[in-house]
Amino acid sequence: MANEVLGVLRELNSHLGVLNRRVGARVAVRDSDLACLDLIARYGPIGPSALAKRAGTHPATMTGMLDRLESGGWIVRERDPDDRRAVVVRVLPDRGSEIFGLYGGMRGAIEEICADYDTEQLRLIAGFLARLADAGARSAEKLADQ
C-alpha cells in the first residue's frame, strides 16, 4: 500500500508542478521565484538568510531571486524593526492576491473534495500530510548535510 501512496504522491507532485509553472507563466515569475514568494507569504516578514535556509538555496542565489521579485513589484525589502541593521522582506498584498486568485481553481477543488469527508477524517488526512511534509523536510536536510 505504501507504494500506491508513493505513486499517487508522485502524480500529485507532477500536477502541482505543472500548475505552478502555469501560474508563474501567467505572472512572468520563474518557478524558483514563485516558490520563494510562497515562503515569504507564509513566513514573512523574513530575513534573506532565514529565507535562503528555508528554501535550501545559497544566499547569493536568494539575493538574485529577491532582486527579481522586488523589481517585479512582488515584494518589498524593509528595515527589521527589531534590528535596524538587518533587512526583512514581505509580499506586497495586492500582488499576493493576484497569485492567490490564480490558484482559485485548485483551492475550490480542494474544498469540494474536503466536503466529502467528516472532521475526524480530515484531521487524519491533515496529520498524514503533515507527517509527509516533515519527512520531506528531514530528507532534504539530510541531503544538505552530505
N, C-alpha and C. Protein backbone atom coordinates (compact mmCIF):
# COMPACT_ATOMS: atom_id res chain seq x y z
N MET A 1 0.82 -1.20 0.00
CA MET A 1 0.00 0.00 0.00
C MET A 1 0.86 1.26 0.00
N ALA A 2 2.02 1.20 0.68
CA ALA A 2 2.89 2.37 0.72
C ALA A 2 3.35 2.76 -0.69
N ASN A 3 3.59 1.75 -1.54
CA ASN A 3 3.99 2.05 -2.93
C ASN A 3 2.87 2.76 -3.69
N GLU A 4 1.63 2.38 -3.40
CA GLU A 4 0.50 3.05 -4.04
C GLU A 4 0.41 4.51 -3.59
N VAL A 5 0.59 4.74 -2.30
CA VAL A 5 0.59 6.11 -1.78
C VAL A 5 1.72 6.91 -2.42
N LEU A 6 2.90 6.32 -2.50
CA LEU A 6 4.04 6.99 -3.12
C LEU A 6 3.74 7.33 -4.58
N GLY A 7 3.13 6.41 -5.29
CA GLY A 7 2.77 6.66 -6.69
C GLY A 7 1.80 7.82 -6.84
N VAL A 8 0.81 7.87 -5.97
CA VAL A 8 -0.17 8.96 -6.02
C VAL A 8 0.50 10.29 -5.66
N LEU A 9 1.40 10.26 -4.70
CA LEU A 9 2.11 11.49 -4.33
C LEU A 9 3.00 11.98 -5.47
N ARG A 10 3.62 11.05 -6.19
CA ARG A 10 4.43 11.45 -7.34
C ARG A 10 3.55 12.08 -8.41
N GLU A 11 2.39 11.50 -8.61
CA GLU A 11 1.44 12.06 -9.59
C GLU A 11 0.99 13.45 -9.17
N LEU A 12 0.67 13.61 -7.89
CA LEU A 12 0.27 14.91 -7.36
C LEU A 12 1.39 15.93 -7.54
N ASN A 13 2.61 15.53 -7.22
CA ASN A 13 3.75 16.41 -7.38
C ASN A 13 3.89 16.88 -8.82
N SER A 14 3.71 15.97 -9.77
CA SER A 14 3.79 16.34 -11.19
C SER A 14 2.72 17.35 -11.57
N HIS A 15 1.50 17.11 -11.15
CA HIS A 15 0.40 18.02 -11.50
C HIS A 15 0.55 19.38 -10.82
N LEU A 16 1.00 19.38 -9.57
CA LEU A 16 1.22 20.66 -8.89
C LEU A 16 2.38 21.42 -9.54
N GLY A 17 3.37 20.70 -10.01
CA GLY A 17 4.47 21.34 -10.73
C GLY A 17 3.98 22.04 -11.99
N VAL A 18 3.11 21.37 -12.73
CA VAL A 18 2.53 21.97 -13.94
C VAL A 18 1.69 23.19 -13.56
N LEU A 19 0.88 23.06 -12.52
CA LEU A 19 0.06 24.19 -12.07
C LEU A 19 0.95 25.38 -11.69
N ASN A 20 2.00 25.11 -10.93
CA ASN A 20 2.90 26.19 -10.52
C ASN A 20 3.58 26.85 -11.73
N ARG A 21 4.00 26.05 -12.70
CA ARG A 21 4.62 26.62 -13.90
C ARG A 21 3.64 27.49 -14.67
N ARG A 22 2.39 27.06 -14.74
CA ARG A 22 1.38 27.85 -15.46
C ARG A 22 1.04 29.14 -14.72
N VAL A 23 0.96 29.06 -13.41
CA VAL A 23 0.74 30.28 -12.62
C VAL A 23 1.92 31.22 -12.82
N GLY A 24 3.13 30.69 -12.71
CA GLY A 24 4.32 31.50 -12.90
C GLY A 24 4.36 32.15 -14.28
N ALA A 25 3.98 31.39 -15.30
CA ALA A 25 3.97 31.94 -16.66
C ALA A 25 2.95 33.07 -16.79
N ARG A 26 1.81 32.94 -16.13
CA ARG A 26 0.78 33.99 -16.19
C ARG A 26 1.25 35.31 -15.62
N VAL A 27 2.10 35.23 -14.59
CA VAL A 27 2.55 36.45 -13.92
C VAL A 27 4.02 36.76 -14.20
N ALA A 28 4.61 36.01 -15.13
CA ALA A 28 6.01 36.21 -15.54
C ALA A 28 6.98 36.11 -14.36
N VAL A 29 6.83 35.02 -13.59
CA VAL A 29 7.71 34.76 -12.45
C VAL A 29 8.26 33.35 -12.61
N ARG A 30 9.57 33.20 -12.46
CA ARG A 30 10.22 31.89 -12.55
C ARG A 30 9.69 30.95 -11.47
N ASP A 31 9.78 29.64 -11.75
CA ASP A 31 9.32 28.63 -10.78
C ASP A 31 9.98 28.81 -9.42
N SER A 32 11.30 28.95 -9.42
CA SER A 32 12.01 29.07 -8.16
C SER A 32 11.63 30.36 -7.43
N ASP A 33 11.39 31.42 -8.19
CA ASP A 33 10.99 32.69 -7.58
C ASP A 33 9.57 32.59 -7.01
N LEU A 34 8.71 31.84 -7.69
CA LEU A 34 7.35 31.64 -7.20
C LEU A 34 7.37 30.86 -5.89
N ALA A 35 8.22 29.85 -5.81
CA ALA A 35 8.35 29.09 -4.56
C ALA A 35 8.88 29.99 -3.44
N CYS A 36 9.82 30.85 -3.77
CA CYS A 36 10.37 31.80 -2.80
C CYS A 36 9.27 32.76 -2.34
N LEU A 37 8.48 33.24 -3.27
CA LEU A 37 7.39 34.15 -2.95
C LEU A 37 6.40 33.49 -1.99
N ASP A 38 6.13 32.21 -2.20
CA ASP A 38 5.23 31.47 -1.31
C ASP A 38 5.81 31.40 0.10
N LEU A 39 7.11 31.15 0.20
CA LEU A 39 7.75 31.10 1.51
C LEU A 39 7.67 32.45 2.21
N ILE A 40 7.87 33.52 1.47
CA ILE A 40 7.78 34.87 2.07
C ILE A 40 6.35 35.12 2.55
N ALA A 41 5.38 34.71 1.75
CA ALA A 41 3.98 34.91 2.14
C ALA A 41 3.64 34.12 3.40
N ARG A 42 4.20 32.93 3.53
CA ARG A 42 3.89 32.09 4.69
C ARG A 42 4.67 32.47 5.94
N TYR A 43 5.93 32.87 5.78
CA TYR A 43 6.80 33.08 6.94
C TYR A 43 7.25 34.53 7.14
N GLY A 44 6.87 35.41 6.23
CA GLY A 44 7.34 36.78 6.30
C GLY A 44 6.56 37.63 7.28
N PRO A 45 7.10 38.81 7.56
CA PRO A 45 8.39 39.29 7.09
C PRO A 45 9.51 38.39 7.59
N ILE A 46 10.48 38.17 6.70
CA ILE A 46 11.57 37.24 6.99
C ILE A 46 12.87 37.80 6.43
N GLY A 47 13.96 37.53 7.11
CA GLY A 47 15.26 37.97 6.65
C GLY A 47 15.74 37.11 5.49
N PRO A 48 16.54 37.66 4.60
CA PRO A 48 17.05 36.91 3.46
C PRO A 48 17.82 35.65 3.82
N SER A 49 18.61 35.68 4.88
CA SER A 49 19.37 34.48 5.29
C SER A 49 18.43 33.37 5.76
N ALA A 50 17.46 33.73 6.58
CA ALA A 50 16.48 32.73 7.05
C ALA A 50 15.67 32.19 5.88
N LEU A 51 15.36 33.05 4.93
CA LEU A 51 14.61 32.63 3.75
C LEU A 51 15.44 31.67 2.91
N ALA A 52 16.72 31.97 2.71
CA ALA A 52 17.61 31.09 1.94
C ALA A 52 17.69 29.72 2.59
N LYS A 53 17.76 29.70 3.91
CA LYS A 53 17.81 28.42 4.63
C LYS A 53 16.52 27.63 4.42
N ARG A 54 15.37 28.30 4.55
CA ARG A 54 14.09 27.62 4.35
C ARG A 54 13.94 27.09 2.92
N ALA A 55 14.46 27.86 1.96
CA ALA A 55 14.35 27.48 0.56
C ALA A 55 15.42 26.48 0.13
N GLY A 56 16.43 26.31 0.97
CA GLY A 56 17.51 25.39 0.63
C GLY A 56 18.38 25.93 -0.50
N THR A 57 18.54 27.25 -0.56
CA THR A 57 19.36 27.86 -1.60
C THR A 57 20.51 28.64 -0.98
N HIS A 58 21.50 28.89 -1.79
CA HIS A 58 22.65 29.68 -1.37
C HIS A 58 22.21 31.13 -1.21
N PRO A 59 22.75 31.84 -0.21
CA PRO A 59 22.37 33.25 -0.01
C PRO A 59 22.55 34.13 -1.25
N ALA A 60 23.59 33.87 -2.05
CA ALA A 60 23.79 34.67 -3.26
C ALA A 60 22.67 34.41 -4.27
N THR A 61 22.23 33.16 -4.35
CA THR A 61 21.11 32.82 -5.24
C THR A 61 19.85 33.51 -4.75
N MET A 62 19.66 33.53 -3.42
CA MET A 62 18.49 34.17 -2.84
C MET A 62 18.49 35.67 -3.16
N THR A 63 19.65 36.29 -3.13
CA THR A 63 19.73 37.72 -3.45
C THR A 63 19.21 37.98 -4.85
N GLY A 64 19.59 37.15 -5.81
CA GLY A 64 19.10 37.29 -7.18
C GLY A 64 17.60 37.11 -7.28
N MET A 65 17.08 36.13 -6.55
CA MET A 65 15.63 35.89 -6.55
C MET A 65 14.90 37.11 -5.98
N LEU A 66 15.40 37.61 -4.86
CA LEU A 66 14.77 38.77 -4.23
C LEU A 66 14.86 40.00 -5.12
N ASP A 67 15.97 40.17 -5.81
CA ASP A 67 16.11 41.30 -6.74
C ASP A 67 15.03 41.22 -7.82
N ARG A 68 14.84 40.02 -8.39
CA ARG A 68 13.82 39.86 -9.45
C ARG A 68 12.41 40.10 -8.90
N LEU A 69 12.12 39.54 -7.72
CA LEU A 69 10.79 39.72 -7.13
C LEU A 69 10.54 41.18 -6.78
N GLU A 70 11.56 41.87 -6.29
CA GLU A 70 11.39 43.27 -5.94
C GLU A 70 11.20 44.12 -7.20
N SER A 71 11.99 43.88 -8.23
CA SER A 71 11.85 44.68 -9.46
C SER A 71 10.52 44.39 -10.15
N GLY A 72 9.96 43.19 -9.93
CA GLY A 72 8.65 42.85 -10.48
C GLY A 72 7.49 43.38 -9.67
N GLY A 73 7.79 44.01 -8.53
CA GLY A 73 6.74 44.58 -7.70
C GLY A 73 6.03 43.56 -6.82
N TRP A 74 6.69 42.43 -6.54
CA TRP A 74 6.07 41.38 -5.74
C TRP A 74 6.37 41.51 -4.26
N ILE A 75 7.57 41.99 -3.95
CA ILE A 75 7.99 42.08 -2.55
C ILE A 75 8.59 43.46 -2.28
N VAL A 76 8.79 43.72 -1.01
CA VAL A 76 9.50 44.93 -0.60
C VAL A 76 10.50 44.52 0.47
N ARG A 77 11.66 45.15 0.42
CA ARG A 77 12.67 44.99 1.47
C ARG A 77 12.52 46.16 2.43
N GLU A 78 12.54 45.84 3.73
CA GLU A 78 12.37 46.87 4.75
C GLU A 78 13.37 46.62 5.88
N ARG A 79 13.63 47.66 6.64
CA ARG A 79 14.46 47.50 7.83
C ARG A 79 13.72 46.63 8.84
N ASP A 80 14.45 45.74 9.47
CA ASP A 80 13.89 44.89 10.52
C ASP A 80 13.60 45.77 11.73
N PRO A 81 12.35 45.80 12.20
CA PRO A 81 12.02 46.67 13.34
C PRO A 81 12.76 46.28 14.62
N ASP A 82 13.23 45.01 14.69
CA ASP A 82 13.95 44.55 15.88
C ASP A 82 15.46 44.75 15.79
N ASP A 83 15.95 45.02 14.57
CA ASP A 83 17.39 45.20 14.37
C ASP A 83 17.57 46.12 13.17
N ARG A 84 17.78 47.37 13.40
CA ARG A 84 17.84 48.38 12.34
C ARG A 84 18.95 48.10 11.32
N ARG A 85 19.91 47.24 11.64
CA ARG A 85 20.97 46.91 10.68
C ARG A 85 20.52 45.82 9.72
N ALA A 86 19.49 45.09 10.07
CA ALA A 86 19.03 43.96 9.27
C ALA A 86 17.87 44.36 8.36
N VAL A 87 17.63 43.51 7.37
CA VAL A 87 16.56 43.72 6.40
C VAL A 87 15.62 42.52 6.46
N VAL A 88 14.34 42.78 6.27
CA VAL A 88 13.34 41.71 6.10
C VAL A 88 12.60 41.96 4.79
N VAL A 89 12.04 40.90 4.26
CA VAL A 89 11.25 41.03 3.04
C VAL A 89 9.82 40.59 3.33
N ARG A 90 8.90 41.23 2.64
CA ARG A 90 7.49 40.84 2.78
C ARG A 90 6.82 40.97 1.42
N VAL A 91 5.75 40.22 1.23
CA VAL A 91 4.98 40.25 0.00
C VAL A 91 4.10 41.49 -0.01
N LEU A 92 3.99 42.13 -1.16
CA LEU A 92 3.06 43.25 -1.31
C LEU A 92 1.66 42.66 -1.46
N PRO A 93 0.72 43.06 -0.61
CA PRO A 93 -0.60 42.42 -0.56
C PRO A 93 -1.35 42.36 -1.89
N ASP A 94 -1.32 43.42 -2.67
CA ASP A 94 -2.07 43.42 -3.93
C ASP A 94 -1.54 42.37 -4.88
N ARG A 95 -0.23 42.24 -4.96
CA ARG A 95 0.36 41.27 -5.86
C ARG A 95 0.13 39.85 -5.34
N GLY A 96 0.20 39.67 -4.03
CA GLY A 96 -0.05 38.35 -3.45
C GLY A 96 -1.45 37.85 -3.77
N SER A 97 -2.42 38.75 -3.72
CA SER A 97 -3.80 38.34 -4.02
C SER A 97 -3.96 38.00 -5.50
N GLU A 98 -3.13 38.59 -6.36
CA GLU A 98 -3.16 38.25 -7.79
C GLU A 98 -2.80 36.77 -7.99
N ILE A 99 -1.78 36.33 -7.33
CA ILE A 99 -1.38 34.92 -7.43
C ILE A 99 -2.40 34.03 -6.74
N PHE A 100 -2.87 34.45 -5.57
CA PHE A 100 -3.87 33.67 -4.84
C PHE A 100 -5.07 33.37 -5.75
N GLY A 101 -5.47 34.37 -6.53
CA GLY A 101 -6.60 34.19 -7.44
C GLY A 101 -6.33 33.14 -8.51
N LEU A 102 -5.11 33.04 -8.97
CA LEU A 102 -4.77 32.06 -10.00
C LEU A 102 -4.83 30.63 -9.46
N TYR A 103 -4.68 30.48 -8.18
CA TYR A 103 -4.81 29.15 -7.56
C TYR A 103 -6.25 28.87 -7.13
N GLY A 104 -7.17 29.76 -7.46
CA GLY A 104 -8.56 29.61 -7.04
C GLY A 104 -9.21 28.32 -7.49
N GLY A 105 -8.90 27.87 -8.69
CA GLY A 105 -9.48 26.62 -9.18
C GLY A 105 -9.06 25.43 -8.33
N MET A 106 -7.79 25.39 -7.98
CA MET A 106 -7.28 24.29 -7.15
C MET A 106 -7.85 24.39 -5.74
N ARG A 107 -7.89 25.61 -5.22
CA ARG A 107 -8.45 25.80 -3.87
C ARG A 107 -9.91 25.35 -3.83
N GLY A 108 -10.67 25.72 -4.85
CA GLY A 108 -12.07 25.30 -4.92
C GLY A 108 -12.20 23.79 -5.01
N ALA A 109 -11.33 23.16 -5.80
CA ALA A 109 -11.37 21.70 -5.93
C ALA A 109 -11.05 21.03 -4.60
N ILE A 110 -10.11 21.58 -3.86
CA ILE A 110 -9.76 21.01 -2.55
C ILE A 110 -10.93 21.14 -1.59
N GLU A 111 -11.57 22.30 -1.59
CA GLU A 111 -12.74 22.49 -0.72
C GLU A 111 -13.86 21.52 -1.08
N GLU A 112 -14.06 21.31 -2.36
CA GLU A 112 -15.09 20.37 -2.82
C GLU A 112 -14.77 18.94 -2.37
N ILE A 113 -13.51 18.54 -2.53
CA ILE A 113 -13.09 17.21 -2.11
C ILE A 113 -13.23 17.06 -0.60
N CYS A 114 -12.81 18.06 0.15
CA CYS A 114 -12.89 18.00 1.61
C CYS A 114 -14.33 17.89 2.10
N ALA A 115 -15.27 18.41 1.34
CA ALA A 115 -16.68 18.35 1.74
C ALA A 115 -17.19 16.90 1.81
N ASP A 116 -16.47 15.98 1.15
CA ASP A 116 -16.87 14.58 1.16
C ASP A 116 -16.40 13.83 2.42
N TYR A 117 -15.65 14.51 3.28
CA TYR A 117 -15.09 13.88 4.47
C TYR A 117 -15.58 14.58 5.72
N ASP A 118 -15.68 13.81 6.81
CA ASP A 118 -16.07 14.44 8.07
C ASP A 118 -14.84 15.01 8.77
N THR A 119 -15.06 15.73 9.84
CA THR A 119 -13.99 16.43 10.54
C THR A 119 -12.89 15.48 11.00
N GLU A 120 -13.27 14.35 11.53
CA GLU A 120 -12.27 13.39 12.03
C GLU A 120 -11.43 12.83 10.88
N GLN A 121 -12.05 12.53 9.76
CA GLN A 121 -11.31 12.04 8.60
C GLN A 121 -10.34 13.11 8.09
N LEU A 122 -10.80 14.36 8.07
CA LEU A 122 -9.92 15.45 7.61
C LEU A 122 -8.75 15.66 8.57
N ARG A 123 -8.99 15.47 9.87
CA ARG A 123 -7.88 15.56 10.83
C ARG A 123 -6.84 14.48 10.54
N LEU A 124 -7.31 13.28 10.26
CA LEU A 124 -6.43 12.18 9.94
C LEU A 124 -5.62 12.47 8.67
N ILE A 125 -6.30 12.95 7.64
CA ILE A 125 -5.63 13.29 6.38
C ILE A 125 -4.62 14.41 6.59
N ALA A 126 -5.02 15.45 7.32
CA ALA A 126 -4.12 16.57 7.59
C ALA A 126 -2.90 16.10 8.37
N GLY A 127 -3.11 15.24 9.33
CA GLY A 127 -1.99 14.70 10.11
C GLY A 127 -1.05 13.88 9.24
N PHE A 128 -1.61 13.07 8.37
CA PHE A 128 -0.81 12.27 7.43
C PHE A 128 0.02 13.18 6.53
N LEU A 129 -0.61 14.19 5.98
CA LEU A 129 0.10 15.12 5.09
C LEU A 129 1.17 15.89 5.85
N ALA A 130 0.90 16.28 7.09
CA ALA A 130 1.90 16.98 7.90
C ALA A 130 3.11 16.08 8.16
N ARG A 131 2.86 14.80 8.42
CA ARG A 131 3.97 13.87 8.62
C ARG A 131 4.78 13.70 7.35
N LEU A 132 4.10 13.67 6.20
CA LEU A 132 4.81 13.59 4.92
C LEU A 132 5.66 14.83 4.69
N ALA A 133 5.09 16.00 4.98
CA ALA A 133 5.84 17.25 4.81
C ALA A 133 7.07 17.25 5.71
N ASP A 134 6.92 16.78 6.93
CA ASP A 134 8.04 16.72 7.86
C ASP A 134 9.10 15.73 7.35
N ALA A 135 8.67 14.61 6.83
CA ALA A 135 9.62 13.63 6.28
C ALA A 135 10.38 14.23 5.10
N GLY A 136 9.68 15.00 4.27
CA GLY A 136 10.34 15.66 3.15
C GLY A 136 11.37 16.67 3.62
N ALA A 137 11.03 17.44 4.64
CA ALA A 137 11.96 18.42 5.19
C ALA A 137 13.19 17.73 5.78
N ARG A 138 12.98 16.64 6.51
CA ARG A 138 14.11 15.90 7.09
C ARG A 138 14.99 15.30 6.01
N SER A 139 14.39 14.76 4.97
CA SER A 139 15.16 14.17 3.87
C SER A 139 15.98 15.23 3.15
N ALA A 140 15.39 16.40 2.92
CA ALA A 140 16.12 17.50 2.28
C ALA A 140 17.27 17.95 3.16
N GLU A 141 17.04 18.01 4.46
CA GLU A 141 18.08 18.44 5.40
C GLU A 141 19.24 17.44 5.40
N LYS A 142 18.94 16.15 5.36
CA LYS A 142 20.00 15.13 5.31
C LYS A 142 20.85 15.30 4.05
N LEU A 143 20.23 15.57 2.92
CA LEU A 143 20.98 15.78 1.69
C LEU A 143 21.84 17.03 1.77
N ALA A 144 21.36 18.05 2.44
CA ALA A 144 22.13 19.29 2.58
C ALA A 144 23.36 19.06 3.43
N ASP A 145 23.30 18.14 4.39
CA ASP A 145 24.40 17.87 5.29
C ASP A 145 25.50 17.01 4.66
N GLN A 146 25.21 16.39 3.53
CA GLN A 146 26.18 15.48 2.90
C GLN A 146 27.11 16.20 1.97
